[in-house]
Amino acid sequence: NLTDDPEGARTRRQLREVTAQIRLLYCSRDEAEA
């Protein structure tokens, strides 16, 4: 949820929890940058 996490701290934590090296990302182009 990028809107509730403007600094990206929660996003970084959530991404670190993923153990796979291959990641399928579904998002908009603007969200992809974040």
PDB file of all heavy atoms in Angstrom:
ATOM      1  N   ASN A   1       0.868  -1.180   0.000  1.00  0.00           N
ATOM      2  CA  ASN A   1       0.000   0.000   0.000  1.00  0.00           C
ATOM      3  C   ASN A   1       0.904   1.228   0.000  1.00  0.00           C
ATOM      4  O   ASN A   1       1.362   1.683   1.047  1.00  0.00           O
ATOM      5  CB  ASN A   1      -0.912  -0.017   1.231  1.00  0.00           C
ATOM      6  CG  ASN A   1      -1.909   1.124   1.221  1.00  0.00           C
ATOM      7  OD1 ASN A   1      -1.776   2.079   0.459  1.00  0.00           O
ATOM      8  ND2 ASN A   1      -2.913   1.029   2.079  1.00  0.00           N
ATOM      9  N   LEU A   2       1.179   1.749  -1.175  1.00  0.00           N
ATOM     10  CA  LEU A   2       2.149   2.837  -1.313  1.00  0.00           C
ATOM     11  C   LEU A   2       1.618   4.176  -0.802  1.00  0.00           C
ATOM     12  O   LEU A   2       2.399   5.032  -0.390  1.00  0.00           O
ATOM     13  CB  LEU A   2       2.580   2.972  -2.774  1.00  0.00           C
ATOM     14  CG  LEU A   2       3.241   1.733  -3.384  1.00  0.00           C
ATOM     15  CD1 LEU A   2       3.569   1.968  -4.845  1.00  0.00           C
ATOM     16  CD2 LEU A   2       4.475   1.330  -2.608  1.00  0.00           C
ATOM     17  N   THR A   3       0.308   4.357  -0.807  1.00  0.00           N
ATOM     18  CA  THR A   3      -0.249   5.651  -0.380  1.00  0.00           C
ATOM     19  C   THR A   3      -0.096   5.865   1.118  1.00  0.00           C
ATOM     20  O   THR A   3       0.045   6.993   1.562  1.00  0.00           O
ATOM     21  CB  THR A   3      -1.737   5.784  -0.762  1.00  0.00           C
ATOM     22  OG1 THR A   3      -2.449   4.674  -0.222  1.00  0.00           O
ATOM     23  CG2 THR A   3      -1.910   5.815  -2.270  1.00  0.00           C
ATOM     24  N   ASP A   4      -0.116   4.801   1.903  1.00  0.00           N
ATOM     25  CA  ASP A   4       0.029   4.920   3.356  1.00  0.00           C
ATOM     26  C   ASP A   4       1.488   4.844   3.809  1.00  0.00           C
ATOM     27  O   ASP A   4       1.763   4.762   4.997  1.00  0.00           O
ATOM     28  CB  ASP A   4      -0.768   3.807   4.071  1.00  0.00           C
ATOM     29  CG  ASP A   4      -2.270   4.028   3.957  1.00  0.00           C
ATOM     30  OD1 ASP A   4      -2.672   5.130   3.555  1.00  0.00           O
ATOM     31  OD2 ASP A   4      -3.018   3.089   4.276  1.00  0.00           O
ATOM     32  N   ASP A   5       2.420   4.835   2.856  1.00  0.00           N
ATOM     33  CA  ASP A   5       3.832   4.661   3.188  1.00  0.00           C
ATOM     34  C   ASP A   5       4.700   5.593   2.340  1.00  0.00           C
ATOM     35  O   ASP A   5       5.515   5.139   1.526  1.00  0.00           O
ATOM     36  CB  ASP A   5       4.208   3.186   2.929  1.00  0.00           C
ATOM     37  CG  ASP A   5       5.595   2.837   3.433  1.00  0.00           C
ATOM     38  OD1 ASP A   5       6.082   3.504   4.368  1.00  0.00           O
ATOM     39  OD2 ASP A   5       6.181   1.895   2.876  1.00  0.00           O
ATOM     40  N   PRO A   6       4.544   6.908   2.520  1.00  0.00           N
ATOM     41  CA  PRO A   6       5.264   7.848   1.654  1.00  0.00           C
ATOM     42  C   PRO A   6       6.783   7.762   1.751  1.00  0.00           C
ATOM     43  O   PRO A   6       7.491   8.023   0.784  1.00  0.00           O
ATOM     44  CB  PRO A   6       4.758   9.229   2.107  1.00  0.00           C
ATOM     45  CG  PRO A   6       4.195   9.020   3.470  1.00  0.00           C
ATOM     46  CD  PRO A   6       3.732   7.593   3.526  1.00  0.00           C
ATOM     47  N   GLU A   7       7.308   7.391   2.902  1.00  0.00           N
ATOM     48  CA  GLU A   7       8.762   7.285   3.060  1.00  0.00           C
ATOM     49  C   GLU A   7       9.303   5.940   2.571  1.00  0.00           C
ATOM     50  O   GLU A   7      10.501   5.784   2.392  1.00  0.00           O
ATOM     51  CB  GLU A   7       9.147   7.480   4.541  1.00  0.00           C
ATOM     52  CG  GLU A   7       8.760   8.826   5.102  1.00  0.00           C
ATOM     53  CD  GLU A   7       9.434   9.970   4.366  1.00  0.00           C
ATOM     54  OE1 GLU A   7      10.641   9.863   4.089  1.00  0.00           O
ATOM     55  OE2 GLU A   7       8.744  10.957   4.051  1.00  0.00           O
ATOM     56  N   GLY A   8       8.431   4.952   2.407  1.00  0.00           N
ATOM     57  CA  GLY A   8       8.838   3.653   1.890  1.00  0.00           C
ATOM     58  C   GLY A   8       9.380   2.674   2.908  1.00  0.00           C
ATOM     59  O   GLY A   8       9.845   1.592   2.550  1.00  0.00           O
ATOM     60  N   ALA A   9       9.322   3.008   4.208  1.00  0.00           N
ATOM     61  CA  ALA A   9       9.885   2.123   5.235  1.00  0.00           C
ATOM     62  C   ALA A   9       9.148   0.781   5.280  1.00  0.00           C
ATOM     63  O   ALA A   9       9.770  -0.289   5.314  1.00  0.00           O
ATOM     64  CB  ALA A   9       9.840   2.797   6.600  1.00  0.00           C
ATOM     65  N   ARG A  10       7.808   0.822   5.283  1.00  0.00           N
ATOM     66  CA  ARG A  10       7.033  -0.419   5.327  1.00  0.00           C
ATOM     67  C   ARG A  10       7.230  -1.217   4.038  1.00  0.00           C
ATOM     68  O   ARG A  10       7.334  -2.447   4.068  1.00  0.00           O
ATOM     69  CB  ARG A  10       5.546  -0.128   5.542  1.00  0.00           C
ATOM     70  CG  ARG A  10       4.756  -1.418   5.711  1.00  0.00           C
ATOM     71  CD  ARG A  10       3.308  -1.241   6.102  1.00  0.00           C
ATOM     72  NE  ARG A  10       2.888   0.125   6.250  1.00  0.00           N
ATOM     73  CZ  ARG A  10       1.807   0.650   5.657  1.00  0.00           C
ATOM     74  NH1 ARG A  10       1.048  -0.086   4.886  1.00  0.00           N
ATOM     75  NH2 ARG A  10       1.470   1.903   5.850  1.00  0.00           N
ATOM     76  N   THR A  11       7.301  -0.521   2.916  1.00  0.00           N
ATOM     77  CA  THR A  11       7.507  -1.195   1.631  1.00  0.00           C
ATOM     78  C   THR A  11       8.832  -1.945   1.631  1.00  0.00           C
ATOM     79  O   THR A  11       8.906  -3.108   1.225  1.00  0.00           O
ATOM     80  CB  THR A  11       7.467  -0.174   0.473  1.00  0.00           C
ATOM     81  OG1 THR A  11       6.195   0.484   0.482  1.00  0.00           O
ATOM     82  CG2 THR A  11       7.682  -0.838  -0.865  1.00  0.00           C
ATOM     83  N   ARG A  12       9.901  -1.294   2.115  1.00  0.00           N
ATOM     84  CA  ARG A  12      11.210  -1.965   2.192  1.00  0.00           C
ATOM     85  C   ARG A  12      11.142  -3.199   3.083  1.00  0.00           C
ATOM     86  O   ARG A  12      11.684  -4.251   2.741  1.00  0.00           O
ATOM     87  CB  ARG A  12      12.277  -0.992   2.702  1.00  0.00           C
ATOM     88  CG  ARG A  12      12.670   0.074   1.698  1.00  0.00           C
ATOM     89  CD  ARG A  12      13.879   0.870   2.145  1.00  0.00           C
ATOM     90  NE  ARG A  12      13.648   1.647   3.355  1.00  0.00           N
ATOM     91  CZ  ARG A  12      13.118   2.863   3.392  1.00  0.00           C
ATOM     92  NH1 ARG A  12      12.741   3.441   2.269  1.00  0.00           N
ATOM     93  NH2 ARG A  12      12.958   3.501   4.529  1.00  0.00           N
ATOM     94  N   ARG A  13      10.479  -3.069   4.238  1.00  0.00           N
ATOM     95  CA  ARG A  13      10.357  -4.202   5.166  1.00  0.00           C
ATOM     96  C   ARG A  13       9.600  -5.349   4.503  1.00  0.00           C
ATOM     97  O   ARG A  13      10.017  -6.511   4.567  1.00  0.00           O
ATOM     98  CB  ARG A  13       9.650  -3.770   6.450  1.00  0.00           C
ATOM     99  CG  ARG A  13       9.517  -4.893   7.476  1.00  0.00           C
ATOM    100  CD  ARG A  13       8.778  -4.464   8.727  1.00  0.00           C
ATOM    101  NE  ARG A  13       7.527  -3.772   8.527  1.00  0.00           N
ATOM    102  CZ  ARG A  13       6.383  -4.344   8.138  1.00  0.00           C
ATOM    103  NH1 ARG A  13       6.338  -5.648   7.896  1.00  0.00           N
ATOM    104  NH2 ARG A  13       5.280  -3.635   8.001  1.00  0.00           N
ATOM    105  N   GLN A  14       8.475  -5.034   3.837  1.00  0.00           N
ATOM    106  CA  GLN A  14       7.676  -6.073   3.189  1.00  0.00           C
ATOM    107  C   GLN A  14       8.465  -6.755   2.072  1.00  0.00           C
ATOM    108  O   GLN A  14       8.388  -7.975   1.909  1.00  0.00           O
ATOM    109  CB  GLN A  14       6.379  -5.480   2.620  1.00  0.00           C
ATOM    110  CG  GLN A  14       5.340  -5.147   3.680  1.00  0.00           C
ATOM    111  CD  GLN A  14       4.092  -4.554   3.048  1.00  0.00           C
ATOM    112  OE1 GLN A  14       4.097  -3.410   2.601  1.00  0.00           O
ATOM    113  NE2 GLN A  14       3.033  -5.338   3.013  1.00  0.00           N
ATOM    114  N   LEU A  15       9.226  -5.976   1.311  1.00  0.00           N
ATOM    115  CA  LEU A  15      10.011  -6.566   0.224  1.00  0.00           C
ATOM    116  C   LEU A  15      11.110  -7.483   0.745  1.00  0.00           C
ATOM    117  O   LEU A  15      11.432  -8.495   0.126  1.00  0.00           O
ATOM    118  CB  LEU A  15      10.605  -5.463  -0.658  1.00  0.00           C
ATOM    119  CG  LEU A  15       9.607  -4.676  -1.508  1.00  0.00           C
ATOM    120  CD1 LEU A  15      10.303  -3.533  -2.233  1.00  0.00           C
ATOM    121  CD2 LEU A  15       8.890  -5.583  -2.506  1.00  0.00           C
ATOM    122  N   ARG A  16      11.691  -7.138   1.899  1.00  0.00           N
ATOM    123  CA  ARG A  16      12.734  -7.982   2.484  1.00  0.00           C
ATOM    124  C   ARG A  16      12.184  -9.327   2.961  1.00  0.00           C
ATOM    125  O   ARG A  16      12.915 -10.310   3.057  1.00  0.00           O
ATOM    126  CB  ARG A  16      13.391  -7.260   3.670  1.00  0.00           C
ATOM    127  CG  ARG A  16      14.426  -6.248   3.258  1.00  0.00           C
ATOM    128  CD  ARG A  16      15.225  -5.753   4.472  1.00  0.00           C
ATOM    129  NE  ARG A  16      15.863  -4.492   4.186  1.00  0.00           N
ATOM    130  CZ  ARG A  16      15.447  -3.301   4.627  1.00  0.00           C
ATOM    131  NH1 ARG A  16      14.398  -3.207   5.411  1.00  0.00           N
ATOM    132  NH2 ARG A  16      16.100  -2.208   4.306  1.00  0.00           N
ATOM    133  N   GLU A  17      10.893  -9.359   3.300  1.00  0.00           N
ATOM    134  CA  GLU A  17      10.272 -10.596   3.793  1.00  0.00           C
ATOM    135  C   GLU A  17      10.110 -11.637   2.694  1.00  0.00           C
ATOM    136  O   GLU A  17       9.927 -12.818   2.979  1.00  0.00           O
ATOM    137  CB  GLU A  17       8.911 -10.286   4.430  1.00  0.00           C
ATOM    138  CG  GLU A  17       9.026  -9.507   5.734  1.00  0.00           C
ATOM    139  CD  GLU A  17       7.678  -9.035   6.258  1.00  0.00           C
ATOM    140  OE1 GLU A  17       6.644  -9.298   5.606  1.00  0.00           O
ATOM    141  OE2 GLU A  17       7.661  -8.382   7.316  1.00  0.00           O
ATOM    142  N   VAL A  18      10.172 -11.212   1.445  1.00  0.00           N
ATOM    143  CA  VAL A  18      10.021 -12.130   0.314  1.00  0.00           C
ATOM    144  C   VAL A  18      11.343 -12.870   0.114  1.00  0.00           C
ATOM    145  O   VAL A  18      12.398 -12.251  -0.003  1.00  0.00           O
ATOM    146  CB  VAL A  18       9.649 -11.354  -0.972  1.00  0.00           C
ATOM    147  CG1 VAL A  18       9.559 -12.297  -2.159  1.00  0.00           C
ATOM    148  CG2 VAL A  18       8.350 -10.595  -0.780  1.00  0.00           C
ATOM    149  N   THR A  19      11.291 -14.203   0.075  1.00  0.00           N
ATOM    150  CA  THR A  19      12.524 -14.984  -0.017  1.00  0.00           C
ATOM    151  C   THR A  19      12.922 -15.331  -1.443  1.00  0.00           C
ATOM    152  O   THR A  19      14.055 -15.756  -1.670  1.00  0.00           O
ATOM    153  CB  THR A  19      12.386 -16.291   0.787  1.00  0.00           C
ATOM    154  OG1 THR A  19      11.293 -17.046   0.256  1.00  0.00           O
ATOM    155  CG2 THR A  19      12.181 -16.004   2.256  1.00  0.00           C
ATOM    156  N   ALA A  20      12.046 -15.165  -2.402  1.00  0.00           N
ATOM    157  CA  ALA A  20      12.364 -15.550  -3.780  1.00  0.00           C
ATOM    158  C   ALA A  20      13.193 -14.480  -4.480  1.00  0.00           C
ATOM    159  O   ALA A  20      12.997 -13.292  -4.281  1.00  0.00           O
ATOM    160  CB  ALA A  20      11.070 -15.785  -4.556  1.00  0.00           C
ATOM    161  N   GLN A  21      14.114 -14.937  -5.307  1.00  0.00           N
ATOM    162  CA  GLN A  21      14.920 -14.004  -6.102  1.00  0.00           C
ATOM    163  C   GLN A  21      14.179 -13.557  -7.357  1.00  0.00           C
ATOM    164  O   GLN A  21      14.485 -12.522  -7.914  1.00  0.00           O
ATOM    165  CB  GLN A  21      16.254 -14.648  -6.479  1.00  0.00           C
ATOM    166  CG  GLN A  21      17.157 -14.841  -5.277  1.00  0.00           C
ATOM    167  CD  GLN A  21      18.447 -15.509  -5.678  1.00  0.00           C
ATOM    168  OE1 GLN A  21      18.465 -16.682  -6.016  1.00  0.00           O
ATOM    169  NE2 GLN A  21      19.523 -14.750  -5.654  1.00  0.00           N
ATOM    170  N   ILE A  22      13.211 -14.352  -7.801  1.00  0.00           N
ATOM    171  CA  ILE A  22      12.382 -14.003  -8.960  1.00  0.00           C
ATOM    172  C   ILE A  22      11.096 -13.387  -8.411  1.00  0.00           C
ATOM    173  O   ILE A  22      10.406 -13.993  -7.593  1.00  0.00           O
ATOM    174  CB  ILE A  22      12.025 -15.249  -9.803  1.00  0.00           C
ATOM    175  CG1 ILE A  22      13.259 -16.065 -10.137  1.00  0.00           C
ATOM    176  CG2 ILE A  22      11.228 -14.851 -11.035  1.00  0.00           C
ATOM    177  CD1 ILE A  22      14.215 -15.405 -11.079  1.00  0.00           C
ATOM    178  N   ARG A  23      10.764 -12.177  -8.896  1.00  0.00           N
ATOM    179  CA  ARG A  23       9.573 -11.485  -8.396  1.00  0.00           C
ATOM    180  C   ARG A  23       8.723 -11.011  -9.560  1.00  0.00           C
ATOM    181  O   ARG A  23       9.233 -10.390 -10.498  1.00  0.00           O
ATOM    182  CB  ARG A  23       9.990 -10.294  -7.529  1.00  0.00           C
ATOM    183  CG  ARG A  23      10.679 -10.759  -6.253  1.00  0.00           C
ATOM    184  CD  ARG A  23      11.654  -9.739  -5.730  1.00  0.00           C
ATOM    185  NE  ARG A  23      12.447 -10.312  -4.643  1.00  0.00           N
ATOM    186  CZ  ARG A  23      12.350  -9.932  -3.376  1.00  0.00           C
ATOM    187  NH1 ARG A  23      11.538  -8.978  -3.021  1.00  0.00           N
ATOM    188  NH2 ARG A  23      13.088 -10.519  -2.468  1.00  0.00           N
ATOM    189  N   LEU A  24       7.438 -11.309  -9.485  1.00  0.00           N
ATOM    190  CA  LEU A  24       6.482 -10.832 -10.478  1.00  0.00           C
ATOM    191  C   LEU A  24       5.766  -9.638  -9.860  1.00  0.00           C
ATOM    192  O   LEU A  24       5.074  -9.786  -8.857  1.00  0.00           O
ATOM    193  CB  LEU A  24       5.471 -11.923 -10.831  1.00  0.00           C
ATOM    194  CG  LEU A  24       6.033 -13.300 -11.211  1.00  0.00           C
ATOM    195  CD1 LEU A  24       4.892 -14.237 -11.571  1.00  0.00           C
ATOM    196  CD2 LEU A  24       7.019 -13.185 -12.345  1.00  0.00           C
ATOM    197  N   LEU A  25       5.928  -8.471 -10.449  1.00  0.00           N
ATOM    198  CA  LEU A  25       5.374  -7.235  -9.898  1.00  0.00           C
ATOM    199  C   LEU A  25       4.236  -6.733 -10.763  1.00  0.00           C
ATOM    200  O   LEU A  25       4.390  -6.550 -11.971  1.00  0.00           O
ATOM    201  CB  LEU A  25       6.477  -6.168  -9.822  1.00  0.00           C
ATOM    202  CG  LEU A  25       6.062  -4.749  -9.440  1.00  0.00           C
ATOM    203  CD1 LEU A  25       5.456  -4.713  -8.040  1.00  0.00           C
ATOM    204  CD2 LEU A  25       7.246  -3.800  -9.546  1.00  0.00           C
ATOM    205  N   TYR A  26       3.085  -6.512 -10.136  1.00  0.00           N
ATOM    206  CA  TYR A  26       1.930  -5.933 -10.829  1.00  0.00           C
ATOM    207  C   TYR A  26       1.685  -4.543 -10.256  1.00  0.00           C
ATOM    208  O   TYR A  26       1.431  -4.399  -9.058  1.00  0.00           O
ATOM    209  CB  TYR A  26       0.687  -6.805 -10.624  1.00  0.00           C
ATOM    210  CG  TYR A  26      -0.560  -6.223 -11.253  1.00  0.00           C
ATOM    211  CD1 TYR A  26      -0.790  -6.365 -12.619  1.00  0.00           C
ATOM    212  CD2 TYR A  26      -1.493  -5.526 -10.489  1.00  0.00           C
ATOM    213  CE1 TYR A  26      -1.928  -5.829 -13.200  1.00  0.00           C
ATOM    214  CE2 TYR A  26      -2.622  -4.996 -11.073  1.00  0.00           C
ATOM    215  CZ  TYR A  26      -2.840  -5.148 -12.423  1.00  0.00           C
ATOM    216  OH  TYR A  26      -3.954  -4.613 -13.006  1.00  0.00           O
ATOM    217  N   CYS A  27       1.777  -3.524 -11.120  1.00  0.00           N
ATOM    218  CA  CYS A  27       1.615  -2.150 -10.657  1.00  0.00           C
ATOM    219  C   CYS A  27       1.510  -1.218 -11.851  1.00  0.00           C
ATOM    220  O   CYS A  27       1.656  -1.640 -12.997  1.00  0.00           O
ATOM    221  CB  CYS A  27       2.808  -1.747  -9.792  1.00  0.00           C
ATOM    222  SG  CYS A  27       4.362  -1.736 -10.702  1.00  0.00           S
ATOM    223  N   SER A  28       1.280   0.065 -11.566  1.00  0.00           N
ATOM    224  CA  SER A  28       1.314   1.084 -12.620  1.00  0.00           C
ATOM    225  C   SER A  28       2.759   1.516 -12.821  1.00  0.00           C
ATOM    226  O   SER A  28       3.643   1.192 -12.011  1.00  0.00           O
ATOM    227  CB  SER A  28       0.465   2.286 -12.227  1.00  0.00           C
ATOM    228  OG  SER A  28       1.088   3.004 -11.169  1.00  0.00           O
ATOM    229  N   ARG A  29       2.997   2.281 -13.870  1.00  0.00           N
ATOM    230  CA  ARG A  29       4.362   2.734 -14.136  1.00  0.00           C
ATOM    231  C   ARG A  29       4.882   3.637 -13.018  1.00  0.00           C
ATOM    232  O   ARG A  29       6.011   3.513 -12.576  1.00  0.00           O
ATOM    233  CB  ARG A  29       4.437   3.467 -15.469  1.00  0.00           C
ATOM    234  CG  ARG A  29       5.873   3.673 -15.894  1.00  0.00           C
ATOM    235  CD  ARG A  29       6.015   4.553 -17.097  1.00  0.00           C
ATOM    236  NE  ARG A  29       7.377   4.546 -17.578  1.00  0.00           N
ATOM    237  CZ  ARG A  29       8.396   5.081 -16.943  1.00  0.00           C
ATOM    238  NH1 ARG A  29       8.211   5.664 -15.777  1.00  0.00           N
ATOM    239  NH2 ARG A  29       9.616   5.034 -17.436  1.00  0.00           N
ATOM    240  N   ASP A  30       4.044   4.566 -12.549  1.00  0.00           N
ATOM    241  CA  ASP A  30       4.458   5.462 -11.466  1.00  0.00           C
ATOM    242  C   ASP A  30       4.758   4.677 -10.191  1.00  0.00           C
ATOM    243  O   ASP A  30       5.716   4.978  -9.481  1.00  0.00           O
ATOM    244  CB  ASP A  30       3.388   6.522 -11.193  1.00  0.00           C
ATOM    245  CG  ASP A  30       3.268   7.505 -12.357  1.00  0.00           C
ATOM    246  OD1 ASP A  30       4.243   7.641 -13.126  1.00  0.00           O
ATOM    247  OD2 ASP A  30       2.198   8.130 -12.492  1.00  0.00           O
ATOM    248  N   GLU A  31       3.922   3.670  -9.909  1.00  0.00           N
ATOM    249  CA  GLU A  31       4.158   2.850  -8.727  1.00  0.00           C
ATOM    250  C   GLU A  31       5.438   2.033  -8.875  1.00  0.00           C
ATOM    251  O   GLU A  31       6.149   1.802  -7.898  1.00  0.00           O
ATOM    252  CB  GLU A  31       2.970   1.917  -8.495  1.00  0.00           C
ATOM    253  CG  GLU A  31       1.718   2.631  -8.041  1.00  0.00           C
ATOM    254  CD  GLU A  31       0.511   1.720  -8.008  1.00  0.00           C
ATOM    255  OE1 GLU A  31       0.442   0.765  -8.822  1.00  0.00           O
ATOM    256  OE2 GLU A  31      -0.381   1.955  -7.175  1.00  0.00           O
ATOM    257  N   ALA A  32       5.751   1.612 -10.112  1.00  0.00           N
ATOM    258  CA  ALA A  32       6.969   0.822 -10.339  1.00  0.00           C
ATOM    259  C   ALA A  32       8.194   1.620  -9.910  1.00  0.00           C
ATOM    260  O   ALA A  32       9.125   1.065  -9.316  1.00  0.00           O
ATOM    261  CB  ALA A  32       7.077   0.417 -11.812  1.00  0.00           C
ATOM    262  N   GLU A  33       8.199   2.910 -10.181  1.00  0.00           N
ATOM    263  CA  GLU A  33       9.335   3.741  -9.783  1.00  0.00           C
ATOM    264  C   GLU A  33       9.504   3.728  -8.265  1.00  0.00           C
ATOM    265  O   GLU A  33      10.611   3.591  -7.752  1.00  0.00           O
ATOM    266  CB  GLU A  33       9.156   5.160 -10.307  1.00  0.00           C
ATOM    267  CG  GLU A  33       9.235   5.228 -11.823  1.00  0.00           C
ATOM    268  CD  GLU A  33       9.103   6.642 -12.362  1.00  0.00           C
ATOM    269  OE1 GLU A  33       9.170   7.594 -11.560  1.00  0.00           O
ATOM    270  OE2 GLU A  33       8.940   6.779 -13.576  1.00  0.00           O
ATOM    271  N   ALA A  34       8.378   3.852  -7.531  1.00  0.00           N
ATOM    272  CA  ALA A  34       8.444   3.848  -6.058  1.00  0.00           C
ATOM    273  C   ALA A  34       8.867   2.475  -5.531  1.00  0.00           C
ATOM    274  O   ALA A  34       9.670   2.373  -4.597  1.00  0.00           O
ATOM    275  CB  ALA A  34       7.095   4.248  -5.469  1.00  0.00           C
TER     276      ALA A  34
END
